[in-house]
Every structure is written in C-alpha cells, then in structure tokens.
C-alpha cells in the first residue's frame, strides 16, 4: 500500500526492458538463442480477476522455446505470444536503447561484457 512505485507501470517497464535486452543479446551474440515472451493477461493478483488468458497457457511458449527442436522454436531475436511471433514495442528496437541497457546492466553488476559478434 505504501510502495513508492505503481505496480502496473513497473510491470510494463520491466517487460519493455526485458524485450530490449533480449533484442540486444540476439543482435550482439547471434549464436545465442534469445527471445522474449508475453505470457498473456492472466488472472493473478496483478492481472486481476477480469484477465482473459488461461494461466495454464502462460508457460507453454517458454517450454516450447527451451525444449523445441522444430525450426519455429530455433530462432533468436523474437517476441512471442502463445507460440506466435508478435512485433515488439518499436522503442525496444532502438540500438541506442539496447546499448544503453547493456551498459547499465554491466555497470550495475560490475561484470565486463564479452566482445560481441555483431551480425550487422
């Protein structure tokens, strides 16, 4: 009740940053399969009782990407909703946003980033 941030805004921003980070990893290290998943709007404490997606379907895409051996699952740099590619928010595709986020993560963790193998 007294937290200094708004829960739905924090969730939205975390999804944005996860997607931008996934795209940065996919771009800089193409040998790594890096994808992001939208589990849908599910009836959880945060999602609320009016959510329209089935909670049981939420982990299906993650499992498919982790264990799938079909060509559709062996991709990188994609954003999925229920095993279907969806366009990510346009701002997540900004190379400047991605690189700033990678630098911030490296600075925050005091971990030096490995040299990227750019597909550019």
N, C-alpha and C. Protein backbone atom coordinates (compact mmCIF):
# COMPACT_ATOMS: atom_id res chain seq x y z
N UNK A 1 0.79 -1.20 0.00
CA UNK A 1 0.00 0.00 0.00
C UNK A 1 0.84 1.27 0.00
N UNK A 2 2.05 1.18 0.51
CA UNK A 2 2.86 2.39 0.62
C UNK A 2 4.08 2.38 -0.28
N UNK A 3 4.14 1.46 -1.19
CA UNK A 3 5.32 1.41 -2.06
C UNK A 3 5.41 2.68 -2.92
N UNK A 4 6.64 3.11 -3.22
CA UNK A 4 6.82 4.37 -3.95
C UNK A 4 6.66 4.25 -5.46
N UNK A 5 6.18 3.14 -5.96
CA UNK A 5 6.01 2.95 -7.39
C UNK A 5 4.66 2.31 -7.65
N UNK A 6 4.20 2.45 -8.86
CA UNK A 6 2.90 1.93 -9.27
C UNK A 6 3.12 0.56 -9.91
N UNK A 7 2.49 -0.48 -9.40
CA UNK A 7 2.73 -1.86 -9.82
C UNK A 7 2.58 -2.12 -11.31
N UNK A 8 1.49 -1.66 -11.91
CA UNK A 8 1.28 -1.95 -13.33
C UNK A 8 2.30 -1.21 -14.19
N UNK A 9 2.71 -0.02 -13.77
CA UNK A 9 3.74 0.72 -14.51
C UNK A 9 5.08 0.00 -14.41
N UNK A 10 5.41 -0.49 -13.22
CA UNK A 10 6.67 -1.23 -13.03
C UNK A 10 6.67 -2.50 -13.88
N UNK A 11 5.54 -3.20 -13.93
CA UNK A 11 5.44 -4.41 -14.72
C UNK A 11 5.62 -4.09 -16.21
N UNK A 12 4.97 -3.06 -16.67
CA UNK A 12 5.08 -2.64 -18.06
C UNK A 12 6.52 -2.28 -18.41
N UNK A 13 7.16 -1.52 -17.55
CA UNK A 13 8.54 -1.13 -17.80
C UNK A 13 9.48 -2.33 -17.77
N UNK A 14 9.22 -3.29 -16.88
CA UNK A 14 10.08 -4.47 -16.84
C UNK A 14 9.94 -5.28 -18.13
N UNK A 15 8.72 -5.40 -18.66
CA UNK A 15 8.53 -6.11 -19.93
C UNK A 15 9.28 -5.39 -21.06
N UNK A 16 9.23 -4.06 -21.04
CA UNK A 16 9.95 -3.27 -22.05
C UNK A 16 11.45 -3.56 -21.97
N UNK A 17 11.99 -3.50 -20.76
CA UNK A 17 13.43 -3.69 -20.60
C UNK A 17 13.87 -5.12 -20.92
N UNK A 18 13.06 -6.10 -20.54
CA UNK A 18 13.38 -7.49 -20.88
C UNK A 18 13.41 -7.67 -22.39
N UNK A 19 12.46 -7.08 -23.08
CA UNK A 19 12.41 -7.21 -24.55
C UNK A 19 13.59 -6.51 -25.20
N UNK A 20 13.92 -5.30 -24.74
CA UNK A 20 15.07 -4.58 -25.29
C UNK A 20 16.36 -5.34 -25.03
N UNK A 21 16.49 -5.92 -23.84
CA UNK A 21 17.69 -6.69 -23.51
C UNK A 21 17.78 -7.94 -24.38
N UNK A 22 16.64 -8.62 -24.59
CA UNK A 22 16.63 -9.79 -25.46
C UNK A 22 17.08 -9.43 -26.86
N UNK A 23 16.58 -8.33 -27.38
CA UNK A 23 16.96 -7.91 -28.74
C UNK A 23 18.45 -7.54 -28.81
N UNK A 24 18.97 -6.93 -27.76
CA UNK A 24 20.39 -6.58 -27.73
C UNK A 24 21.25 -7.84 -27.75
N UNK A 25 20.90 -8.82 -26.94
CA UNK A 25 21.66 -10.07 -26.89
C UNK A 25 21.58 -10.79 -28.24
N UNK A 26 20.39 -10.85 -28.81
CA UNK A 26 20.23 -11.51 -30.11
C UNK A 26 21.05 -10.81 -31.20
N UNK A 27 21.12 -9.49 -31.12
CA UNK A 27 21.87 -8.73 -32.13
C UNK A 27 23.37 -8.88 -31.93
N UNK A 28 23.84 -8.79 -30.70
CA UNK A 28 25.28 -8.79 -30.45
C UNK A 28 25.89 -10.18 -30.38
N UNK A 29 25.09 -11.16 -29.96
CA UNK A 29 25.58 -12.53 -29.86
C UNK A 29 24.61 -13.46 -30.59
N UNK A 30 24.62 -13.45 -31.92
CA UNK A 30 23.63 -14.22 -32.70
C UNK A 30 23.71 -15.73 -32.50
N UNK A 31 24.80 -16.22 -31.94
CA UNK A 31 24.91 -17.66 -31.69
C UNK A 31 24.10 -18.07 -30.45
N UNK A 32 23.60 -17.09 -29.70
CA UNK A 32 22.78 -17.34 -28.52
C UNK A 32 21.32 -17.16 -28.90
N UNK A 33 20.49 -18.15 -28.57
CA UNK A 33 19.06 -18.01 -28.83
C UNK A 33 18.46 -17.15 -27.72
N UNK A 34 18.01 -15.97 -28.08
CA UNK A 34 17.48 -15.01 -27.12
C UNK A 34 16.13 -14.51 -27.60
N UNK A 35 15.08 -14.85 -26.86
CA UNK A 35 13.73 -14.47 -27.23
C UNK A 35 12.99 -13.96 -25.99
N UNK A 36 11.94 -13.21 -26.20
CA UNK A 36 11.10 -12.73 -25.10
C UNK A 36 9.68 -13.24 -25.30
N UNK A 37 8.97 -13.40 -24.19
CA UNK A 37 7.64 -13.99 -24.23
C UNK A 37 6.65 -13.13 -23.48
N UNK A 38 5.51 -12.91 -24.09
CA UNK A 38 4.37 -12.29 -23.42
C UNK A 38 3.47 -13.43 -23.00
N UNK A 39 3.34 -13.70 -21.69
CA UNK A 39 2.53 -14.84 -21.25
C UNK A 39 1.04 -14.61 -21.37
N UNK A 40 0.65 -13.40 -21.71
CA UNK A 40 -0.77 -13.09 -21.82
C UNK A 40 -1.27 -12.40 -20.56
N UNK A 41 -2.51 -12.02 -20.60
CA UNK A 41 -3.14 -11.35 -19.47
C UNK A 41 -3.87 -12.41 -18.67
N UNK A 42 -3.27 -12.81 -17.55
CA UNK A 42 -3.81 -13.92 -16.77
C UNK A 42 -4.34 -13.45 -15.42
N UNK A 43 -5.26 -14.21 -14.90
CA UNK A 43 -5.91 -13.87 -13.64
C UNK A 43 -4.98 -14.18 -12.47
N UNK A 44 -4.15 -13.22 -12.15
CA UNK A 44 -3.26 -13.30 -11.00
C UNK A 44 -3.57 -12.11 -10.10
N UNK A 45 -2.84 -12.01 -9.01
CA UNK A 45 -3.04 -10.87 -8.13
C UNK A 45 -2.81 -9.56 -8.89
N UNK A 46 -1.79 -9.55 -9.75
CA UNK A 46 -1.51 -8.34 -10.53
C UNK A 46 -2.46 -8.21 -11.71
N UNK A 47 -2.75 -9.33 -12.39
CA UNK A 47 -3.61 -9.29 -13.57
C UNK A 47 -5.07 -9.02 -13.27
N UNK A 48 -5.49 -9.42 -12.07
CA UNK A 48 -6.87 -9.20 -11.69
C UNK A 48 -7.79 -10.32 -12.17
N UNK A 49 -8.96 -10.35 -11.62
CA UNK A 49 -9.90 -11.43 -11.93
C UNK A 49 -10.52 -11.31 -13.32
N UNK A 50 -10.43 -10.14 -13.95
CA UNK A 50 -11.03 -9.95 -15.26
C UNK A 50 -10.11 -10.32 -16.41
N UNK A 51 -8.92 -10.84 -16.12
CA UNK A 51 -7.97 -11.21 -17.17
C UNK A 51 -8.56 -12.28 -18.07
N UNK A 52 -8.23 -12.22 -19.35
CA UNK A 52 -8.88 -13.08 -20.34
C UNK A 52 -8.08 -14.32 -20.74
N UNK A 53 -6.79 -14.38 -20.42
CA UNK A 53 -5.99 -15.54 -20.83
C UNK A 53 -6.00 -16.62 -19.75
N UNK A 54 -5.71 -17.84 -20.16
CA UNK A 54 -5.67 -19.00 -19.28
C UNK A 54 -4.27 -19.12 -18.67
N UNK A 55 -4.18 -19.10 -17.36
CA UNK A 55 -2.89 -19.17 -16.67
C UNK A 55 -2.13 -20.44 -17.05
N UNK A 56 -2.83 -21.52 -17.34
CA UNK A 56 -2.15 -22.77 -17.72
C UNK A 56 -1.39 -22.64 -19.04
N UNK A 57 -1.77 -21.68 -19.88
CA UNK A 57 -1.10 -21.49 -21.17
C UNK A 57 0.16 -20.61 -21.05
N UNK A 58 0.30 -19.91 -19.93
CA UNK A 58 1.40 -18.96 -19.77
C UNK A 58 2.78 -19.59 -20.01
N UNK A 59 3.10 -20.76 -19.43
CA UNK A 59 4.45 -21.31 -19.61
C UNK A 59 4.66 -22.12 -20.89
N UNK A 60 3.63 -22.31 -21.68
CA UNK A 60 3.73 -23.18 -22.86
C UNK A 60 4.77 -22.64 -23.84
N UNK A 61 4.76 -21.35 -24.10
CA UNK A 61 5.71 -20.78 -25.08
C UNK A 61 7.14 -20.88 -24.57
N UNK A 62 7.35 -20.60 -23.28
CA UNK A 62 8.70 -20.71 -22.72
C UNK A 62 9.23 -22.13 -22.85
N UNK A 63 8.38 -23.11 -22.56
CA UNK A 63 8.78 -24.52 -22.65
C UNK A 63 9.08 -24.89 -24.10
N UNK A 64 8.25 -24.45 -25.00
CA UNK A 64 8.44 -24.74 -26.43
C UNK A 64 9.76 -24.15 -26.91
N UNK A 65 10.07 -22.91 -26.51
CA UNK A 65 11.33 -22.29 -26.94
C UNK A 65 12.53 -22.99 -26.32
N UNK A 66 12.41 -23.43 -25.07
CA UNK A 66 13.54 -24.06 -24.37
C UNK A 66 13.80 -25.48 -24.85
N UNK A 67 12.75 -26.22 -25.17
CA UNK A 67 12.91 -27.64 -25.50
C UNK A 67 12.56 -27.98 -26.93
N UNK A 68 11.96 -27.06 -27.65
CA UNK A 68 11.54 -27.35 -29.01
C UNK A 68 12.71 -27.53 -29.95
N UNK A 69 12.57 -28.46 -30.85
CA UNK A 69 13.63 -28.66 -31.83
C UNK A 69 13.14 -28.39 -33.25
N UNK A 70 11.92 -27.88 -33.37
CA UNK A 70 11.44 -27.52 -34.70
C UNK A 70 11.99 -26.15 -35.08
N UNK A 71 12.04 -25.88 -36.34
CA UNK A 71 12.64 -24.63 -36.84
C UNK A 71 11.96 -23.40 -36.27
N UNK A 72 10.68 -23.47 -35.99
CA UNK A 72 9.96 -22.31 -35.47
C UNK A 72 10.44 -21.92 -34.08
N UNK A 73 10.95 -22.89 -33.30
CA UNK A 73 11.42 -22.62 -31.95
C UNK A 73 12.91 -22.28 -31.91
N UNK A 74 13.63 -22.60 -32.97
CA UNK A 74 15.08 -22.37 -33.00
C UNK A 74 15.39 -21.04 -33.67
N UNK A 75 14.87 -19.97 -33.09
CA UNK A 75 15.05 -18.63 -33.62
C UNK A 75 15.61 -17.74 -32.51
N UNK A 76 16.05 -16.56 -32.89
CA UNK A 76 16.55 -15.61 -31.92
C UNK A 76 16.06 -14.22 -32.29
N UNK A 77 15.94 -13.38 -31.28
CA UNK A 77 15.52 -12.01 -31.52
C UNK A 77 14.04 -11.87 -31.81
N UNK A 78 13.23 -12.75 -31.24
CA UNK A 78 11.79 -12.71 -31.50
C UNK A 78 11.02 -12.49 -30.19
N UNK A 79 9.84 -11.94 -30.35
CA UNK A 79 8.92 -11.70 -29.24
C UNK A 79 7.69 -12.54 -29.51
N UNK A 80 7.32 -13.41 -28.57
CA UNK A 80 6.24 -14.37 -28.78
C UNK A 80 5.07 -14.17 -27.82
N UNK A 81 3.88 -14.47 -28.32
CA UNK A 81 2.68 -14.58 -27.51
C UNK A 81 1.99 -15.86 -27.95
N UNK A 82 1.85 -16.83 -27.04
CA UNK A 82 1.24 -18.12 -27.34
C UNK A 82 1.85 -18.76 -28.59
N UNK A 83 3.15 -18.87 -28.61
CA UNK A 83 3.93 -19.51 -29.67
C UNK A 83 3.84 -18.81 -31.02
N UNK A 84 3.30 -17.62 -31.04
CA UNK A 84 3.21 -16.87 -32.29
C UNK A 84 4.08 -15.62 -32.19
N UNK A 85 4.90 -15.36 -33.21
CA UNK A 85 5.70 -14.13 -33.17
C UNK A 85 4.80 -12.90 -33.23
N UNK A 86 5.15 -11.92 -32.45
CA UNK A 86 4.44 -10.65 -32.41
C UNK A 86 5.47 -9.54 -32.52
N UNK A 87 5.10 -8.41 -33.06
CA UNK A 87 6.06 -7.30 -33.12
C UNK A 87 6.27 -6.71 -31.72
N UNK A 88 7.52 -6.51 -31.33
CA UNK A 88 7.77 -5.89 -30.04
C UNK A 88 7.52 -4.38 -30.12
N UNK A 89 7.47 -3.75 -28.97
CA UNK A 89 7.30 -2.29 -28.95
C UNK A 89 8.42 -1.67 -29.78
N UNK A 90 8.12 -0.73 -30.68
CA UNK A 90 9.13 -0.16 -31.57
C UNK A 90 10.35 0.42 -30.84
N UNK A 91 10.16 1.01 -29.67
CA UNK A 91 11.29 1.61 -28.96
C UNK A 91 12.30 0.57 -28.48
N UNK A 92 11.85 -0.68 -28.30
CA UNK A 92 12.79 -1.73 -27.87
C UNK A 92 13.78 -2.07 -28.98
N UNK A 93 13.45 -1.70 -30.20
CA UNK A 93 14.31 -2.00 -31.34
C UNK A 93 15.39 -0.95 -31.57
N UNK A 94 15.38 0.11 -30.78
CA UNK A 94 16.39 1.16 -30.88
C UNK A 94 17.74 0.63 -30.43
N UNK A 95 18.74 0.69 -31.30
CA UNK A 95 20.07 0.22 -30.94
C UNK A 95 20.63 1.05 -29.78
N UNK A 96 20.30 2.32 -29.74
CA UNK A 96 20.76 3.18 -28.64
C UNK A 96 20.16 2.72 -27.31
N UNK A 97 18.88 2.43 -27.30
CA UNK A 97 18.22 1.94 -26.07
C UNK A 97 18.85 0.62 -25.64
N UNK A 98 19.03 -0.29 -26.59
CA UNK A 98 19.62 -1.59 -26.28
C UNK A 98 21.03 -1.46 -25.70
N UNK A 99 21.85 -0.65 -26.36
CA UNK A 99 23.24 -0.50 -25.90
C UNK A 99 23.33 0.20 -24.55
N UNK A 100 22.45 1.17 -24.33
CA UNK A 100 22.42 1.83 -23.01
C UNK A 100 22.02 0.84 -21.92
N UNK A 101 21.06 -0.01 -22.23
CA UNK A 101 20.61 -1.01 -21.27
C UNK A 101 21.72 -2.03 -20.97
N UNK A 102 22.42 -2.48 -21.99
CA UNK A 102 23.54 -3.40 -21.77
C UNK A 102 24.61 -2.75 -20.91
N UNK A 103 24.94 -1.50 -21.19
CA UNK A 103 25.95 -0.80 -20.39
C UNK A 103 25.49 -0.63 -18.95
N UNK A 104 24.22 -0.29 -18.78
CA UNK A 104 23.69 -0.12 -17.43
C UNK A 104 23.78 -1.45 -16.65
N UNK A 105 23.41 -2.55 -17.29
CA UNK A 105 23.50 -3.86 -16.64
C UNK A 105 24.93 -4.20 -16.28
N UNK A 106 25.86 -3.92 -17.19
CA UNK A 106 27.27 -4.20 -16.93
C UNK A 106 27.78 -3.34 -15.77
N UNK A 107 27.42 -2.07 -15.76
CA UNK A 107 27.84 -1.19 -14.68
C UNK A 107 27.22 -1.61 -13.35
N UNK A 108 25.97 -1.98 -13.37
CA UNK A 108 25.24 -2.36 -12.17
C UNK A 108 25.83 -3.62 -11.53
N UNK A 109 26.22 -4.56 -12.37
CA UNK A 109 26.72 -5.85 -11.87
C UNK A 109 28.23 -5.89 -11.77
N UNK A 110 28.90 -4.87 -12.30
CA UNK A 110 30.36 -4.82 -12.33
C UNK A 110 30.93 -6.00 -13.11
N UNK A 111 30.17 -6.42 -14.13
CA UNK A 111 30.60 -7.51 -15.00
C UNK A 111 30.94 -6.92 -16.35
N UNK A 112 32.12 -7.27 -16.84
CA UNK A 112 32.52 -6.80 -18.16
C UNK A 112 31.84 -7.63 -19.23
N UNK A 113 31.23 -6.94 -20.19
CA UNK A 113 30.56 -7.64 -21.28
C UNK A 113 31.58 -8.29 -22.21
N UNK A 114 31.29 -9.50 -22.66
CA UNK A 114 32.19 -10.11 -23.64
C UNK A 114 32.10 -9.36 -24.96
N UNK A 115 33.09 -9.52 -25.77
CA UNK A 115 33.09 -8.89 -27.08
C UNK A 115 31.95 -9.46 -27.90
N UNK A 116 31.18 -8.59 -28.48
CA UNK A 116 30.03 -9.02 -29.27
C UNK A 116 30.48 -9.49 -30.64
N UNK A 117 29.75 -10.44 -31.15
CA UNK A 117 29.91 -10.88 -32.53
C UNK A 117 28.73 -10.30 -33.26
N UNK A 118 28.91 -9.14 -33.85
CA UNK A 118 27.80 -8.41 -34.45
C UNK A 118 27.38 -9.05 -35.76
N UNK A 119 26.06 -9.15 -35.92
CA UNK A 119 25.50 -9.66 -37.17
C UNK A 119 25.26 -8.51 -38.14
N UNK A 120 25.58 -7.28 -37.70
CA UNK A 120 25.36 -6.08 -38.53
C UNK A 120 26.28 -6.05 -39.72
